Full PDB file with SEQRES, HELIX, SHEET, SSBOND, CRYST1, ORIGX, SCALE, CONECT and MASTER records, all heavy atoms in Angstrom:
SEQRES   1 A   40  ASP SER PHE CYS CYS SER CYS LEU PRO ALA GLY ASP SER          
SEQRES   2 A   40  ALA MET ILE GLY ALA PHE ASP GLY CYS GLY GLY ALA GLY          
SEQRES   3 A   40  SER GLN SER TYR LYS SER LEU SER GLY LYS THR GLY ALA          
SEQRES   4 A   40  TYR                                                          
HELIX    1 AA1 LYS A   31  LEU A   33  5                                   3    
SHEET    1 AA1 2 SER A   2  CYS A   7  0                                        
SHEET    2 AA1 2 ALA A  14  PHE A  19 -1                                        
CRYST1    1.000    1.000    1.000  90.00  90.00  90.00 P 1           1          
ORIGX1      1.000000  0.000000  0.000000        0.00000                         
ORIGX2      0.000000  1.000000  0.000000        0.00000                         
ORIGX3      0.000000  0.000000  1.000000        0.00000                         
SCALE1      1.000000  0.000000  0.000000        0.00000                         
SCALE2      0.000000  1.000000  0.000000        0.00000                         
SCALE3      0.000000  0.000000  1.000000        0.00000                         
ATOM      1  N   ASP A   1       0.839  -1.191  -0.003  1.00  0.00           N  
ATOM      2  CA  ASP A   1       0.007   0.007  -0.008  1.00  0.00           C  
ATOM      3  C   ASP A   1       0.873   1.250   0.003  1.00  0.00           C  
ATOM      4  O   ASP A   1       2.044   1.221   0.425  1.00  0.00           O  
ATOM      5  CB  ASP A   1      -0.871   0.082   1.235  1.00  0.00           C  
ATOM      6  CG  ASP A   1      -2.131  -0.809   1.157  1.00  0.00           C  
ATOM      7  OD1 ASP A   1      -2.247  -1.564   0.183  1.00  0.00           O  
ATOM      8  OD2 ASP A   1      -2.960  -0.672   2.057  1.00  0.00           O  
ATOM      9  N   SER A   2       0.287   2.373  -0.424  1.00  0.00           N  
ATOM     10  CA  SER A   2       0.920   3.667  -0.285  1.00  0.00           C  
ATOM     11  C   SER A   2      -0.168   4.708  -0.086  1.00  0.00           C  
ATOM     12  O   SER A   2      -1.348   4.420  -0.271  1.00  0.00           O  
ATOM     13  CB  SER A   2       1.783   3.967  -1.515  1.00  0.00           C  
ATOM     14  OG  SER A   2       2.567   5.138  -1.295  1.00  0.00           O  
ATOM     15  N   PHE A   3       0.245   5.918   0.242  1.00  0.00           N  
ATOM     16  CA  PHE A   3      -0.726   6.998   0.430  1.00  0.00           C  
ATOM     17  C   PHE A   3      -0.056   8.335   0.097  1.00  0.00           C  
ATOM     18  O   PHE A   3       1.173   8.438  -0.004  1.00  0.00           O  
ATOM     19  CB  PHE A   3      -1.242   7.029   1.873  1.00  0.00           C  
ATOM     20  CG  PHE A   3      -0.232   7.458   2.890  1.00  0.00           C  
ATOM     21  CD1 PHE A   3      -0.060   8.813   3.224  1.00  0.00           C  
ATOM     22  CD2 PHE A   3       0.589   6.542   3.485  1.00  0.00           C  
ATOM     23  CE1 PHE A   3       0.893   9.206   4.140  1.00  0.00           C  
ATOM     24  CE2 PHE A   3       1.559   6.914   4.425  1.00  0.00           C  
ATOM     25  CZ  PHE A   3       1.691   8.281   4.748  1.00  0.00           C  
ATOM     26  N   CYS A   4      -0.873   9.373  -0.012  1.00  0.00           N  
ATOM     27  CA  CYS A   4      -0.368  10.724  -0.095  1.00  0.00           C  
ATOM     28  C   CYS A   4      -1.407  11.642   0.518  1.00  0.00           C  
ATOM     29  O   CYS A   4      -2.590  11.354   0.527  1.00  0.00           O  
ATOM     30  CB  CYS A   4       0.005  11.148  -1.516  1.00  0.00           C  
ATOM     31  SG  CYS A   4      -1.334  11.093  -2.696  1.00  0.00           S  
ATOM     32  N   CYS A   5      -0.970  12.782   0.995  1.00  0.00           N  
ATOM     33  CA  CYS A   5      -1.884  13.779   1.534  1.00  0.00           C  
ATOM     34  C   CYS A   5      -1.150  15.132   1.539  1.00  0.00           C  
ATOM     35  O   CYS A   5       0.048  15.176   1.726  1.00  0.00           O  
ATOM     36  CB  CYS A   5      -2.384  13.447   2.923  1.00  0.00           C  
ATOM     37  SG  CYS A   5      -1.107  13.141   4.155  1.00  0.00           S  
ATOM     38  N   SER A   6      -1.891  16.205   1.349  1.00  0.00           N  
ATOM     39  CA  SER A   6      -1.271  17.527   1.292  1.00  0.00           C  
ATOM     40  C   SER A   6      -2.318  18.575   1.424  1.00  0.00           C  
ATOM     41  O   SER A   6      -3.505  18.380   1.085  1.00  0.00           O  
ATOM     42  CB  SER A   6      -0.524  17.692  -0.030  1.00  0.00           C  
ATOM     43  OG  SER A   6       0.161  18.954  -0.080  1.00  0.00           O  
ATOM     44  N   CYS A   7      -1.911  19.737   1.891  1.00  0.00           N  
ATOM     45  CA  CYS A   7      -2.747  20.938   1.909  1.00  0.00           C  
ATOM     46  C   CYS A   7      -1.956  22.094   1.321  1.00  0.00           C  
ATOM     47  O   CYS A   7      -0.786  22.281   1.693  1.00  0.00           O  
ATOM     48  CB  CYS A   7      -3.182  21.267   3.365  1.00  0.00           C  
ATOM     49  SG  CYS A   7      -4.307  22.683   3.486  1.00  0.00           S  
ATOM     50  N   LEU A   8      -2.504  22.831   0.388  1.00  0.00           N  
ATOM     51  CA  LEU A   8      -1.786  23.931  -0.242  1.00  0.00           C  
ATOM     52  C   LEU A   8      -1.587  25.078   0.752  1.00  0.00           C  
ATOM     53  O   LEU A   8      -2.437  25.325   1.586  1.00  0.00           O  
ATOM     54  CB  LEU A   8      -2.517  24.408  -1.487  1.00  0.00           C  
ATOM     55  CG  LEU A   8      -2.591  23.405  -2.634  1.00  0.00           C  
ATOM     56  CD1 LEU A   8      -3.327  24.058  -3.810  1.00  0.00           C  
ATOM     57  CD2 LEU A   8      -1.194  23.012  -3.073  1.00  0.00           C  
ATOM     58  N   PRO A   9      -0.483  25.782   0.643  1.00  0.00           N  
ATOM     59  CA  PRO A   9      -0.218  26.905   1.553  1.00  0.00           C  
ATOM     60  C   PRO A   9      -1.327  27.963   1.591  1.00  0.00           C  
ATOM     61  O   PRO A   9      -1.538  28.585   2.610  1.00  0.00           O  
ATOM     62  CB  PRO A   9       1.082  27.486   1.000  1.00  0.00           C  
ATOM     63  CG  PRO A   9       1.741  26.341   0.296  1.00  0.00           C  
ATOM     64  CD  PRO A   9       0.625  25.544  -0.303  1.00  0.00           C  
ATOM     65  N   ALA A  10      -2.020  28.151   0.468  1.00  0.00           N  
ATOM     66  CA  ALA A  10      -3.114  29.141   0.465  1.00  0.00           C  
ATOM     67  C   ALA A  10      -4.258  28.737   1.362  1.00  0.00           C  
ATOM     68  O   ALA A  10      -5.088  29.599   1.728  1.00  0.00           O  
ATOM     69  CB  ALA A  10      -3.619  29.325  -0.985  1.00  0.00           C  
ATOM     70  N   GLY A  11      -4.348  27.479   1.722  1.00  0.00           N  
ATOM     71  CA  GLY A  11      -5.327  27.026   2.678  1.00  0.00           C  
ATOM     72  C   GLY A  11      -6.711  26.819   2.155  1.00  0.00           C  
ATOM     73  O   GLY A  11      -7.683  26.786   2.930  1.00  0.00           O  
ATOM     74  N   ASP A  12      -6.909  26.707   0.853  1.00  0.00           N  
ATOM     75  CA  ASP A  12      -8.251  26.487   0.321  1.00  0.00           C  
ATOM     76  C   ASP A  12      -8.466  25.125  -0.285  1.00  0.00           C  
ATOM     77  O   ASP A  12      -9.555  24.825  -0.723  1.00  0.00           O  
ATOM     78  CB  ASP A  12      -8.609  27.570  -0.680  1.00  0.00           C  
ATOM     79  CG  ASP A  12      -7.734  27.489  -1.949  1.00  0.00           C  
ATOM     80  OD1 ASP A  12      -6.717  26.766  -1.927  1.00  0.00           O  
ATOM     81  OD2 ASP A  12      -8.082  28.137  -2.951  1.00  0.00           O  
ATOM     82  N   SER A  13      -7.432  24.274  -0.335  1.00  0.00           N  
ATOM     83  CA  SER A  13      -7.588  22.952  -0.934  1.00  0.00           C  
ATOM     84  C   SER A  13      -6.701  21.945  -0.220  1.00  0.00           C  
ATOM     85  O   SER A  13      -5.600  22.291   0.249  1.00  0.00           O  
ATOM     86  CB  SER A  13      -7.207  22.986  -2.425  1.00  0.00           C  
ATOM     87  OG  SER A  13      -8.044  23.847  -3.150  1.00  0.00           O  
ATOM     88  N   ALA A  14      -7.183  20.720  -0.118  1.00  0.00           N  
ATOM     89  CA  ALA A  14      -6.425  19.635   0.493  1.00  0.00           C  
ATOM     90  C   ALA A  14      -6.664  18.366  -0.346  1.00  0.00           C  
ATOM     91  O   ALA A  14      -7.681  18.250  -1.049  1.00  0.00           O  
ATOM     92  CB  ALA A  14      -6.853  19.377   1.920  1.00  0.00           C  
ATOM     93  N   MET A  15      -5.724  17.418  -0.246  1.00  0.00           N  
ATOM     94  CA  MET A  15      -5.802  16.208  -1.061  1.00  0.00           C  
ATOM     95  C   MET A  15      -5.449  14.994  -0.207  1.00  0.00           C  
ATOM     96  O   MET A  15      -4.511  15.104   0.630  1.00  0.00           O  
ATOM     97  CB  MET A  15      -4.832  16.338  -2.230  1.00  0.00           C  
ATOM     98  CG  MET A  15      -4.703  15.100  -3.107  1.00  0.00           C  
ATOM     99  SD  MET A  15      -3.431  13.939  -2.497  1.00  0.00           S  
ATOM    100  CE  MET A  15      -1.957  14.910  -2.649  1.00  0.00           C  
ATOM    101  N   ILE A  16      -6.163  13.896  -0.430  1.00  0.00           N  
ATOM    102  CA  ILE A  16      -5.770  12.623   0.193  1.00  0.00           C  
ATOM    103  C   ILE A  16      -5.850  11.547  -0.872  1.00  0.00           C  
ATOM    104  O   ILE A  16      -6.590  11.674  -1.841  1.00  0.00           O  
ATOM    105  CB  ILE A  16      -6.718  12.229   1.353  1.00  0.00           C  
ATOM    106  CG1 ILE A  16      -8.182  12.191   0.926  1.00  0.00           C  
ATOM    107  CG2 ILE A  16      -6.527  13.183   2.529  1.00  0.00           C  
ATOM    108  CD1 ILE A  16      -9.155  11.636   2.002  1.00  0.00           C  
ATOM    109  N   GLY A  17      -5.080  10.502  -0.708  1.00  0.00           N  
ATOM    110  CA  GLY A  17      -5.098   9.383  -1.648  1.00  0.00           C  
ATOM    111  C   GLY A  17      -4.616   8.106  -0.995  1.00  0.00           C  
ATOM    112  O   GLY A  17      -3.750   8.124  -0.137  1.00  0.00           O  
ATOM    113  N   ALA A  18      -5.238   6.984  -1.390  1.00  0.00           N  
ATOM    114  CA  ALA A  18      -4.822   5.663  -0.923  1.00  0.00           C  
ATOM    115  C   ALA A  18      -4.628   4.779  -2.155  1.00  0.00           C  
ATOM    116  O   ALA A  18      -5.403   4.819  -3.096  1.00  0.00           O  
ATOM    117  CB  ALA A  18      -5.892   5.082  -0.013  1.00  0.00           C  
ATOM    118  N   PHE A  19      -3.541   3.981  -2.126  1.00  0.00           N  
ATOM    119  CA  PHE A  19      -3.110   3.216  -3.306  1.00  0.00           C  
ATOM    120  C   PHE A  19      -2.735   1.798  -2.827  1.00  0.00           C  
ATOM    121  O   PHE A  19      -1.946   1.657  -1.933  1.00  0.00           O  
ATOM    122  CB  PHE A  19      -1.926   3.909  -3.972  1.00  0.00           C  
ATOM    123  CG  PHE A  19      -2.140   5.377  -4.227  1.00  0.00           C  
ATOM    124  CD1 PHE A  19      -1.940   6.309  -3.224  1.00  0.00           C  
ATOM    125  CD2 PHE A  19      -2.626   5.814  -5.459  1.00  0.00           C  
ATOM    126  CE1 PHE A  19      -2.157   7.670  -3.431  1.00  0.00           C  
ATOM    127  CE2 PHE A  19      -2.874   7.142  -5.696  1.00  0.00           C  
ATOM    128  CZ  PHE A  19      -2.650   8.083  -4.690  1.00  0.00           C  
ATOM    129  N   ASP A  20      -3.284   0.822  -3.494  1.00  0.00           N  
ATOM    130  CA  ASP A  20      -3.067  -0.575  -3.126  1.00  0.00           C  
ATOM    131  C   ASP A  20      -2.377  -1.277  -4.259  1.00  0.00           C  
ATOM    132  O   ASP A  20      -2.987  -1.583  -5.302  1.00  0.00           O  
ATOM    133  CB  ASP A  20      -4.434  -1.229  -2.830  1.00  0.00           C  
ATOM    134  CG  ASP A  20      -4.298  -2.624  -2.327  1.00  0.00           C  
ATOM    135  OD1 ASP A  20      -3.215  -3.174  -2.328  1.00  0.00           O  
ATOM    136  OD2 ASP A  20      -5.379  -3.208  -1.958  1.00  0.00           O  
ATOM    137  N   GLY A  21      -1.073  -1.530  -4.117  1.00  0.00           N  
ATOM    138  CA  GLY A  21      -0.329  -2.280  -5.094  1.00  0.00           C  
ATOM    139  C   GLY A  21      -0.915  -3.688  -5.207  1.00  0.00           C  
ATOM    140  O   GLY A  21      -1.108  -4.333  -4.238  1.00  0.00           O  
ATOM    141  N   CYS A  22      -1.188  -4.113  -6.440  1.00  0.00           N  
ATOM    142  CA  CYS A  22      -1.899  -5.384  -6.652  1.00  0.00           C  
ATOM    143  C   CYS A  22      -0.889  -6.542  -6.560  1.00  0.00           C  
ATOM    144  O   CYS A  22      -0.182  -6.868  -7.519  1.00  0.00           O  
ATOM    145  CB  CYS A  22      -2.587  -5.346  -8.016  1.00  0.00           C  
ATOM    146  SG  CYS A  22      -3.759  -3.960  -8.205  1.00  0.00           S  
ATOM    147  N   GLY A  23      -0.877  -7.157  -5.394  1.00  0.00           N  
ATOM    148  CA  GLY A  23       0.167  -8.114  -5.058  1.00  0.00           C  
ATOM    149  C   GLY A  23       0.131  -9.413  -5.861  1.00  0.00           C  
ATOM    150  O   GLY A  23       1.157 -10.066  -5.973  1.00  0.00           O  
ATOM    151  N   GLY A  24      -1.015  -9.780  -6.384  1.00  0.00           N  
ATOM    152  CA  GLY A  24      -1.066 -10.991  -7.188  1.00  0.00           C  
ATOM    153  C   GLY A  24      -0.425 -10.784  -8.554  1.00  0.00           C  
ATOM    154  O   GLY A  24       0.605 -11.387  -8.888  1.00  0.00           O  
ATOM    155  N   ALA A  25      -1.013  -9.865  -9.349  1.00  0.00           N  
ATOM    156  CA  ALA A  25      -0.505  -9.606 -10.683  1.00  0.00           C  
ATOM    157  C   ALA A  25       0.862  -8.891 -10.610  1.00  0.00           C  
ATOM    158  O   ALA A  25       1.651  -8.958 -11.554  1.00  0.00           O  
ATOM    159  CB  ALA A  25      -1.495  -8.722 -11.453  1.00  0.00           C  
ATOM    160  N   GLY A  26       1.139  -8.209  -9.508  1.00  0.00           N  
ATOM    161  CA  GLY A  26       2.404  -7.468  -9.357  1.00  0.00           C  
ATOM    162  C   GLY A  26       3.340  -8.065  -8.374  1.00  0.00           C  
ATOM    163  O   GLY A  26       4.153  -7.397  -7.770  1.00  0.00           O  
ATOM    164  N   SER A  27       3.302  -9.406  -8.251  1.00  0.00           N  
ATOM    165  CA  SER A  27       4.135 -10.070  -7.224  1.00  0.00           C  
ATOM    166  C   SER A  27       5.595 -10.270  -7.685  1.00  0.00           C  
ATOM    167  O   SER A  27       6.439 -10.617  -6.868  1.00  0.00           O  
ATOM    168  CB  SER A  27       3.513 -11.430  -6.867  1.00  0.00           C  
ATOM    169  OG  SER A  27       3.467 -12.262  -8.028  1.00  0.00           O  
ATOM    170  N   GLN A  28       5.885 -10.101  -8.952  1.00  0.00           N  
ATOM    171  CA  GLN A  28       7.239 -10.271  -9.431  1.00  0.00           C  
ATOM    172  C   GLN A  28       8.169  -9.232  -8.807  1.00  0.00           C  
ATOM    173  O   GLN A  28       7.813  -8.066  -8.726  1.00  0.00           O  
ATOM    174  CB  GLN A  28       7.301 -10.150 -10.946  1.00  0.00           C  
ATOM    175  CG  GLN A  28       8.691 -10.393 -11.524  1.00  0.00           C  
ATOM    176  CD  GLN A  28       8.646 -10.557 -13.019  1.00  0.00           C  
ATOM    177  OE1 GLN A  28       7.730 -11.137 -13.572  1.00  0.00           O  
ATOM    178  NE2 GLN A  28       9.675 -10.070 -13.704  1.00  0.00           N  
ATOM    179  N   SER A  29       9.303  -9.674  -8.321  1.00  0.00           N  
ATOM    180  CA  SER A  29      10.279  -8.726  -7.739  1.00  0.00           C  
ATOM    181  C   SER A  29      11.366  -8.435  -8.739  1.00  0.00           C  
ATOM    182  O   SER A  29      11.622  -9.181  -9.700  1.00  0.00           O  
ATOM    183  CB  SER A  29      10.884  -9.330  -6.468  1.00  0.00           C  
ATOM    184  OG  SER A  29      11.539 -10.563  -6.739  1.00  0.00           O  
ATOM    185  N   TYR A  30      12.069  -7.278  -8.520  1.00  0.00           N  
ATOM    186  CA  TYR A  30      13.042  -6.791  -9.495  1.00  0.00           C  
ATOM    187  C   TYR A  30      14.379  -6.504  -8.796  1.00  0.00           C  
ATOM    188  O   TYR A  30      14.423  -5.655  -7.884  1.00  0.00           O  
ATOM    189  CB  TYR A  30      12.521  -5.543 -10.184  1.00  0.00           C  
ATOM    190  CG  TYR A  30      11.241  -5.788 -10.918  1.00  0.00           C  
ATOM    191  CD1 TYR A  30       9.975  -5.554 -10.298  1.00  0.00           C  
ATOM    192  CD2 TYR A  30      11.231  -6.259 -12.220  1.00  0.00           C  
ATOM    193  CE1 TYR A  30       8.810  -5.803 -10.966  1.00  0.00           C  
ATOM    194  CE2 TYR A  30      10.037  -6.518 -12.898  1.00  0.00           C  
ATOM    195  CZ  TYR A  30       8.825  -6.289 -12.272  1.00  0.00           C  
ATOM    196  OH  TYR A  30       7.663  -6.527 -12.915  1.00  0.00           O  
ATOM    197  N   LYS A  31      15.434  -7.203  -9.208  1.00  0.00           N  
ATOM    198  CA  LYS A  31      16.729  -6.991  -8.602  1.00  0.00           C  
ATOM    199  C   LYS A  31      17.224  -5.534  -8.777  1.00  0.00           C  
ATOM    200  O   LYS A  31      17.865  -4.969  -7.924  1.00  0.00           O  
ATOM    201  CB  LYS A  31      17.732  -7.965  -9.230  1.00  0.00           C  
ATOM    202  CG  LYS A  31      17.524  -9.414  -8.894  1.00  0.00           C  
ATOM    203  CD  LYS A  31      18.573 -10.295  -9.534  1.00  0.00           C  
ATOM    204  CE  LYS A  31      18.334 -11.765  -9.192  1.00  0.00           C  
ATOM    205  NZ  LYS A  31      19.370 -12.649  -9.846  1.00  0.00           N  
ATOM    206  N   SER A  32      16.883  -4.973  -9.918  1.00  0.00           N  
ATOM    207  CA  SER A  32      17.324  -3.609 -10.210  1.00  0.00           C  
ATOM    208  C   SER A  32      16.630  -2.549  -9.330  1.00  0.00           C  
ATOM    209  O   SER A  32      17.015  -1.412  -9.278  1.00  0.00           O  
ATOM    210  CB  SER A  32      17.068  -3.270 -11.680  1.00  0.00           C  
ATOM    211  OG  SER A  32      15.677  -3.386 -11.972  1.00  0.00           O  
ATOM    212  N   LEU A  33      15.557  -2.979  -8.609  1.00  0.00           N  
ATOM    213  CA  LEU A  33      14.813  -2.097  -7.722  1.00  0.00           C  
ATOM    214  C   LEU A  33      14.812  -2.666  -6.307  1.00  0.00           C  
ATOM    215  O   LEU A  33      13.812  -2.674  -5.636  1.00  0.00           O  
ATOM    216  CB  LEU A  33      13.377  -1.904  -8.221  1.00  0.00           C  
ATOM    217  CG  LEU A  33      13.265  -1.206  -9.602  1.00  0.00           C  
ATOM    218  CD1 LEU A  33      11.863  -1.286 -10.140  1.00  0.00           C  
ATOM    219  CD2 LEU A  33      13.713   0.236  -9.472  1.00  0.00           C  
ATOM    220  N   SER A  34      16.028  -3.071  -5.885  1.00  0.00           N  
ATOM    221  CA  SER A  34      16.245  -3.537  -4.510  1.00  0.00           C  
ATOM    222  C   SER A  34      15.346  -4.719  -4.118  1.00  0.00           C  
ATOM    223  O   SER A  34      15.050  -4.894  -2.946  1.00  0.00           O  
ATOM    224  CB  SER A  34      16.056  -2.378  -3.519  1.00  0.00           C  
ATOM    225  OG  SER A  34      16.909  -1.332  -3.814  1.00  0.00           O  
ATOM    226  N   GLY A  35      14.958  -5.500  -5.119  1.00  0.00           N  
ATOM    227  CA  GLY A  35      14.140  -6.694  -4.802  1.00  0.00           C  
ATOM    228  C   GLY A  35      12.715  -6.387  -4.521  1.00  0.00           C  
ATOM    229  O   GLY A  35      11.960  -7.317  -4.088  1.00  0.00           O  
ATOM    230  N   LYS A  36      12.241  -5.192  -4.745  1.00  0.00           N  
ATOM    231  CA  LYS A  36      10.857  -4.828  -4.443  1.00  0.00           C  
ATOM    232  C   LYS A  36       9.962  -5.398  -5.517  1.00  0.00           C  
ATOM    233  O   LYS A  36      10.339  -5.575  -6.693  1.00  0.00           O  
ATOM    234  CB  LYS A  36      10.692  -3.299  -4.357  1.00  0.00           C  
ATOM    235  CG  LYS A  36      11.510  -2.639  -3.269  1.00  0.00           C  
ATOM    236  CD  LYS A  36      11.145  -3.166  -1.900  1.00  0.00           C  
ATOM    237  CE  LYS A  36      11.881  -2.367  -0.790  1.00  0.00           C  
ATOM    238  NZ  LYS A  36      11.583  -2.920   0.545  1.00  0.00           N  
ATOM    239  N   THR A  37       8.698  -5.653  -5.164  1.00  0.00           N  
ATOM    240  CA  THR A  37       7.751  -6.188  -6.115  1.00  0.00           C  
ATOM    241  C   THR A  37       7.199  -5.067  -7.013  1.00  0.00           C  
ATOM    242  O   THR A  37       7.244  -3.912  -6.673  1.00  0.00           O  
ATOM    243  CB  THR A  37       6.580  -6.871  -5.405  1.00  0.00           C  
ATOM    244  OG1 THR A  37       5.829  -5.868  -4.666  1.00  0.00           O  
ATOM    245  CG2 THR A  37       7.054  -7.955  -4.473  1.00  0.00           C  
ATOM    246  N   GLY A  38       6.612  -5.480  -8.120  1.00  0.00           N  
ATOM    247  CA  GLY A  38       5.952  -4.521  -8.998  1.00  0.00           C  
ATOM    248  C   GLY A  38       4.818  -3.802  -8.287  1.00  0.00           C  
ATOM    249  O   GLY A  38       4.585  -2.626  -8.527  1.00  0.00           O  
ATOM    250  N   ALA A  39       4.100  -4.512  -7.410  1.00  0.00           N  
ATOM    251  CA  ALA A  39       3.013  -3.894  -6.666  1.00  0.00           C  
ATOM    252  C   ALA A  39       3.554  -2.772  -5.744  1.00  0.00           C  
ATOM    253  O   ALA A  39       2.919  -1.694  -5.643  1.00  0.00           O  
ATOM    254  CB  ALA A  39       2.276  -4.950  -5.840  1.00  0.00           C  
ATOM    255  N   TYR A  40       4.626  -3.060  -5.048  1.00  0.00           N  
ATOM    256  CA  TYR A  40       5.276  -2.080  -4.177  1.00  0.00           C  
ATOM    257  C   TYR A  40       5.692  -0.835  -4.986  1.00  0.00           C  
ATOM    258  O   TYR A  40       5.430   0.286  -4.603  1.00  0.00           O  
ATOM    259  CB  TYR A  40       6.474  -2.730  -3.494  1.00  0.00           C  
ATOM    260  CG  TYR A  40       7.303  -1.809  -2.575  1.00  0.00           C  
ATOM    261  CD1 TYR A  40       7.134  -1.874  -1.200  1.00  0.00           C  
ATOM    262  CD2 TYR A  40       8.214  -0.933  -3.097  1.00  0.00           C  
ATOM    263  CE1 TYR A  40       7.867  -1.063  -0.375  1.00  0.00           C  
ATOM    264  CE2 TYR A  40       8.980  -0.137  -2.283  1.00  0.00           C  
ATOM    265  CZ  TYR A  40       8.806  -0.190  -0.906  1.00  0.00           C  
ATOM    266  OH  TYR A  40       9.556   0.617  -0.101  1.00  0.00           O  
TER     267      TYR A  40                                                      
MASTER        0    0    0    1    2    0    0    6  266    1    0    4          
END                                                                             
């Protein structure tokens, strides 16, 4: 999983997000990326 959140300095807008790396289809790991999976 990953997430992001932010509020602009002007104070009139904010953002949230949630992201779920798909571990089945993205279960392959990559040596060039420190062994992390495609989902990660």
